[in-house]
Amino acid sequence: MNYLIQVTEVWRVPNNDAADEMEETFRNDPNYTLSKWAKADKNRKQSGEIVEEWVQVNATKVFNEMRSPDSYVSPSYK
């Protein structure tokens, strides 16, 4: 039997408020444990001027323990 243990997702969100809201949503989801969370401000420059800003979010979600998996998870991406 195959078990999904964990996934690491990388997200682009518009600002820190959206990143903080996402973190709260992820931490409150009963389907997994959020084991790692990181966010970083990013931007794109053109001719030395910032023309676009966003926040990169990295989230690691743990669905099962490696030694004793107890649930079947099927990822779905839309």
Protein backbone atom coordinates (compact mmCIF):
# COMPACT_ATOMS: atom_id res chain seq x y z
CA MET A 1 0.00 0.00 0.00
CA ASN A 2 1.22 3.52 -0.80
CA TYR A 3 0.90 6.35 1.71
CA LEU A 4 1.40 10.04 1.12
CA ILE A 5 3.65 11.25 3.93
CA GLN A 6 4.13 14.95 3.23
CA VAL A 7 4.09 17.64 0.56
CA THR A 8 5.88 20.95 0.29
CA GLU A 9 3.94 23.67 -1.49
CA VAL A 10 5.32 26.94 -2.81
CA TRP A 11 2.76 29.72 -3.17
CA ARG A 12 2.80 33.25 -4.51
CA VAL A 13 0.46 35.57 -2.62
CA PRO A 14 -0.04 39.33 -3.09
CA ASN A 15 1.05 40.56 0.35
CA ASN A 16 1.94 39.67 3.96
CA ASP A 17 -1.67 39.92 5.12
CA ALA A 18 -2.68 37.25 2.61
CA ALA A 19 0.28 35.11 3.72
CA ASP A 20 -0.72 35.43 7.39
CA GLU A 21 -4.31 34.50 6.56
CA MET A 22 -3.07 31.47 4.59
CA GLU A 23 -0.91 30.37 7.53
CA GLU A 24 -3.88 30.52 9.90
CA THR A 25 -6.02 28.51 7.46
CA PHE A 26 -3.30 25.88 7.03
CA ARG A 27 -2.66 25.58 10.79
CA ASN A 28 -6.37 25.06 11.48
CA ASP A 29 -6.91 22.34 8.85
CA PRO A 30 -7.48 18.98 10.61
CA ASN A 31 -6.38 16.91 7.58
CA TYR A 32 -2.65 17.49 8.12
CA THR A 33 -0.05 19.05 10.39
CA LEU A 34 1.77 22.12 9.17
CA SER A 35 5.38 21.23 9.99
CA LYS A 36 7.24 24.07 8.24
CA TRP A 37 6.20 27.58 7.27
CA ALA A 38 8.29 30.31 5.67
CA LYS A 39 7.48 33.51 3.83
CA ALA A 40 9.71 35.92 1.96
CA ASP A 41 9.06 39.28 0.32
CA LYS A 42 9.91 39.20 -3.38
CA ASN A 43 9.94 41.80 -6.13
CA ARG A 44 10.73 42.32 -9.77
CA LYS A 45 12.76 45.31 -10.85
CA GLN A 46 12.98 47.02 -14.18
CA SER A 47 15.58 49.73 -14.76
CA GLY A 48 16.31 49.77 -11.03
CA GLU A 49 12.66 50.45 -10.11
CA ILE A 50 10.41 47.92 -8.36
CA VAL A 51 7.56 47.17 -10.77
CA GLU A 52 5.99 44.20 -8.98
CA GLU A 53 5.93 42.90 -5.40
CA TRP A 54 4.61 39.67 -3.87
CA VAL A 55 5.23 37.23 -1.03
CA GLN A 56 6.55 33.69 -1.56
CA VAL A 57 5.17 31.16 0.91
CA ASN A 58 6.68 27.70 1.50
CA ALA A 59 4.49 25.30 3.47
CA THR A 60 5.19 21.66 4.36
CA LYS A 61 2.10 19.63 5.22
CA VAL A 62 2.47 16.25 6.97
CA PHE A 63 -0.34 13.74 6.39
CA ASN A 64 1.20 10.60 7.91
CA GLU A 65 4.15 9.58 10.06
CA MET A 66 6.72 7.60 8.10
CA ARG A 67 6.94 4.80 10.67
CA SER A 68 3.22 4.32 11.20
CA PRO A 69 1.04 5.74 8.43
CA ASP A 70 -2.64 5.52 9.26
CA SER A 71 -4.53 7.37 6.51
CA TYR A 72 -4.85 7.31 2.75
CA VAL A 73 -4.50 10.67 1.07
CA SER A 74 -4.96 11.32 -2.63
CA PRO A 75 -3.70 14.72 -3.75
CA SER A 76 -5.90 16.72 -6.08
CA TYR A 77 -4.80 19.78 -8.01
CA LYS A 78 -7.21 21.97 -9.93
